[in-house]
Amino acid sequence: MQINELLGSYRIAVTNEEQMVLDKMHKVAPFEMYDEREQTIIENLIRKSMVSKLVRNKQTLVIKNDFEPC
């Protein structure tokens, strides 16, 4: 049995700043496209599994996952 089966639905808490960055992410984009502060926020979102990081042809891309933050 998985933890999400026990809990039903669960939400991941995000800050206002993280939510603003998530709202900007509509499609796959290069990580370098974001400024330094946004890159730090995106790294935090990657740790929370709300954003995925992809490496293609030596380029780092990021994309928003389909989670609903609270």
N, C-alpha and C. Protein backbone atom coordinates (compact mmCIF):
# COMPACT_ATOMS: atom_id res chain seq x y z
N MET A 1 0.84 -1.17 0.00
CA MET A 1 0.00 0.00 0.00
C MET A 1 0.89 1.25 0.00
N GLN A 2 0.54 2.20 -0.81
CA GLN A 2 1.32 3.41 -0.92
C GLN A 2 0.78 4.48 0.03
N ILE A 3 1.64 5.42 0.37
CA ILE A 3 1.27 6.48 1.31
C ILE A 3 0.10 7.32 0.80
N ASN A 4 0.05 7.57 -0.52
CA ASN A 4 -1.04 8.39 -1.04
C ASN A 4 -2.38 7.65 -0.99
N GLU A 5 -2.36 6.32 -0.95
CA GLU A 5 -3.59 5.56 -0.77
C GLU A 5 -4.10 5.70 0.65
N LEU A 6 -3.19 5.79 1.61
CA LEU A 6 -3.57 5.96 3.00
C LEU A 6 -4.11 7.35 3.29
N LEU A 7 -3.47 8.33 2.72
CA LEU A 7 -3.84 9.72 3.01
C LEU A 7 -4.98 10.24 2.14
N GLY A 8 -5.29 9.56 1.08
CA GLY A 8 -6.31 10.07 0.16
C GLY A 8 -5.67 11.09 -0.76
N SER A 9 -5.90 12.34 -0.51
CA SER A 9 -5.23 13.38 -1.29
C SER A 9 -4.35 14.19 -0.35
N TYR A 10 -3.24 14.61 -0.84
CA TYR A 10 -2.33 15.42 -0.06
C TYR A 10 -1.86 16.58 -0.91
N ARG A 11 -1.51 17.64 -0.26
CA ARG A 11 -1.08 18.85 -0.96
C ARG A 11 0.32 19.22 -0.50
N ILE A 12 1.04 19.86 -1.39
CA ILE A 12 2.39 20.32 -1.09
C ILE A 12 2.32 21.83 -0.88
N ALA A 13 2.82 22.28 0.24
CA ALA A 13 2.80 23.71 0.55
C ALA A 13 3.84 24.45 -0.29
N VAL A 14 3.43 25.58 -0.85
CA VAL A 14 4.35 26.44 -1.61
C VAL A 14 4.21 27.87 -1.13
N THR A 15 5.29 28.61 -1.26
CA THR A 15 5.27 30.02 -0.89
C THR A 15 4.65 30.83 -2.04
N ASN A 16 4.36 32.08 -1.77
CA ASN A 16 3.82 32.97 -2.81
C ASN A 16 4.81 33.12 -3.96
N GLU A 17 6.09 33.22 -3.62
CA GLU A 17 7.13 33.36 -4.64
C GLU A 17 7.20 32.12 -5.52
N GLU A 18 7.12 30.94 -4.90
CA GLU A 18 7.15 29.70 -5.66
C GLU A 18 5.93 29.60 -6.56
N GLN A 19 4.78 30.02 -6.08
CA GLN A 19 3.57 29.98 -6.88
C GLN A 19 3.67 30.90 -8.09
N MET A 20 4.28 32.07 -7.92
CA MET A 20 4.46 33.00 -9.04
C MET A 20 5.34 32.39 -10.12
N VAL A 21 6.40 31.71 -9.71
CA VAL A 21 7.29 31.06 -10.69
C VAL A 21 6.56 29.91 -11.37
N LEU A 22 5.80 29.12 -10.61
CA LEU A 22 5.02 28.03 -11.21
C LEU A 22 4.03 28.55 -12.24
N ASP A 23 3.41 29.69 -11.95
CA ASP A 23 2.44 30.27 -12.87
C ASP A 23 3.10 30.71 -14.18
N LYS A 24 4.37 31.07 -14.14
CA LYS A 24 5.11 31.47 -15.35
C LYS A 24 5.48 30.28 -16.23
N MET A 25 5.55 29.09 -15.64
CA MET A 25 6.03 27.91 -16.35
C MET A 25 4.88 27.24 -17.10
N HIS A 26 4.76 27.52 -18.40
CA HIS A 26 3.69 26.95 -19.21
C HIS A 26 4.17 25.82 -20.10
N LYS A 27 5.45 25.77 -20.38
CA LYS A 27 5.99 24.75 -21.27
C LYS A 27 7.45 24.49 -20.91
N VAL A 28 8.05 23.54 -21.58
CA VAL A 28 9.46 23.24 -21.36
C VAL A 28 10.28 24.47 -21.73
N ALA A 29 11.19 24.87 -20.83
CA ALA A 29 12.01 26.05 -21.08
C ALA A 29 13.42 25.81 -20.55
N PRO A 30 14.42 26.45 -21.15
CA PRO A 30 15.79 26.33 -20.64
C PRO A 30 15.90 26.92 -19.23
N PHE A 31 16.62 26.24 -18.37
CA PHE A 31 16.82 26.68 -17.00
C PHE A 31 17.50 28.04 -16.97
N GLU A 32 18.39 28.30 -17.92
CA GLU A 32 19.14 29.54 -17.98
C GLU A 32 18.27 30.73 -18.37
N MET A 33 17.06 30.47 -18.85
CA MET A 33 16.15 31.54 -19.24
C MET A 33 15.69 32.35 -18.02
N TYR A 34 15.68 31.73 -16.86
CA TYR A 34 15.22 32.37 -15.63
C TYR A 34 16.37 33.11 -14.96
N ASP A 35 16.03 34.19 -14.24
CA ASP A 35 17.07 34.94 -13.53
C ASP A 35 17.54 34.14 -12.31
N GLU A 36 18.56 34.65 -11.64
CA GLU A 36 19.21 33.91 -10.55
C GLU A 36 18.25 33.57 -9.41
N ARG A 37 17.40 34.50 -9.03
CA ARG A 37 16.44 34.26 -7.95
C ARG A 37 15.43 33.18 -8.35
N GLU A 38 14.92 33.26 -9.57
CA GLU A 38 13.96 32.27 -10.04
C GLU A 38 14.62 30.89 -10.14
N GLN A 39 15.90 30.83 -10.51
CA GLN A 39 16.60 29.55 -10.58
C GLN A 39 16.68 28.90 -9.20
N THR A 40 16.92 29.71 -8.17
CA THR A 40 16.95 29.19 -6.80
C THR A 40 15.58 28.65 -6.40
N ILE A 41 14.54 29.37 -6.75
CA ILE A 41 13.18 28.93 -6.44
C ILE A 41 12.86 27.64 -7.20
N ILE A 42 13.26 27.57 -8.45
CA ILE A 42 13.02 26.37 -9.25
C ILE A 42 13.75 25.17 -8.66
N GLU A 43 14.96 25.37 -8.17
CA GLU A 43 15.69 24.28 -7.53
C GLU A 43 14.93 23.78 -6.30
N ASN A 44 14.33 24.69 -5.53
CA ASN A 44 13.50 24.28 -4.39
C ASN A 44 12.27 23.51 -4.86
N LEU A 45 11.67 23.93 -5.94
CA LEU A 45 10.50 23.23 -6.48
C LEU A 45 10.87 21.85 -7.02
N ILE A 46 12.08 21.71 -7.53
CA ILE A 46 12.56 20.41 -7.98
C ILE A 46 12.66 19.47 -6.78
N ARG A 47 13.18 19.98 -5.66
CA ARG A 47 13.27 19.17 -4.43
C ARG A 47 11.89 18.76 -3.92
N LYS A 48 10.89 19.60 -4.15
CA LYS A 48 9.52 19.30 -3.73
C LYS A 48 8.79 18.44 -4.76
N SER A 49 9.46 18.08 -5.85
CA SER A 49 8.89 17.29 -6.95
C SER A 49 7.74 17.99 -7.64
N MET A 50 7.80 19.30 -7.70
CA MET A 50 6.77 20.05 -8.41
C MET A 50 7.25 20.49 -9.79
N VAL A 51 8.54 20.41 -10.01
CA VAL A 51 9.16 20.76 -11.29
C VAL A 51 10.14 19.65 -11.64
N SER A 52 10.21 19.31 -12.92
CA SER A 52 11.15 18.30 -13.40
C SER A 52 12.27 18.97 -14.16
N LYS A 53 13.46 18.42 -14.00
CA LYS A 53 14.63 18.91 -14.71
C LYS A 53 15.03 17.86 -15.74
N LEU A 54 15.21 18.28 -16.98
CA LEU A 54 15.61 17.40 -18.07
C LEU A 54 16.92 17.89 -18.65
N VAL A 55 17.79 16.96 -19.04
CA VAL A 55 19.04 17.34 -19.69
C VAL A 55 19.02 16.74 -21.09
N ARG A 56 19.07 17.63 -22.09
CA ARG A 56 19.09 17.20 -23.50
C ARG A 56 20.17 17.97 -24.23
N ASN A 57 21.03 17.24 -24.88
CA ASN A 57 22.11 17.86 -25.67
C ASN A 57 22.89 18.89 -24.86
N LYS A 58 23.24 18.52 -23.65
CA LYS A 58 24.02 19.38 -22.74
C LYS A 58 23.28 20.65 -22.34
N GLN A 59 21.98 20.69 -22.52
CA GLN A 59 21.18 21.84 -22.12
C GLN A 59 20.18 21.38 -21.05
N THR A 60 20.06 22.16 -19.98
CA THR A 60 19.15 21.83 -18.89
C THR A 60 17.81 22.51 -19.14
N LEU A 61 16.75 21.69 -19.16
CA LEU A 61 15.39 22.19 -19.37
C LEU A 61 14.57 21.92 -18.12
N VAL A 62 13.58 22.75 -17.85
CA VAL A 62 12.69 22.55 -16.71
C VAL A 62 11.24 22.63 -17.18
N ILE A 63 10.38 21.86 -16.49
CA ILE A 63 8.96 21.85 -16.80
C ILE A 63 8.17 21.60 -15.52
N LYS A 64 7.02 22.25 -15.43
CA LYS A 64 6.14 22.10 -14.26
C LYS A 64 5.47 20.74 -14.29
N ASN A 65 5.39 20.06 -13.14
CA ASN A 65 4.63 18.81 -13.01
C ASN A 65 3.17 19.13 -12.80
N ASP A 66 2.32 18.13 -12.83
CA ASP A 66 0.88 18.32 -12.68
C ASP A 66 0.40 18.12 -11.26
N PHE A 67 0.98 18.87 -10.32
CA PHE A 67 0.55 18.81 -8.93
C PHE A 67 -0.25 20.07 -8.61
N GLU A 68 -1.20 19.95 -7.72
CA GLU A 68 -1.97 21.10 -7.26
C GLU A 68 -1.42 21.54 -5.91
N PRO A 69 -0.71 22.66 -5.83
CA PRO A 69 -0.20 23.13 -4.54
C PRO A 69 -1.33 23.71 -3.70
N CYS A 70 -1.08 23.77 -2.39
CA CYS A 70 -2.10 24.37 -1.51
C CYS A 70 -1.73 25.80 -1.18
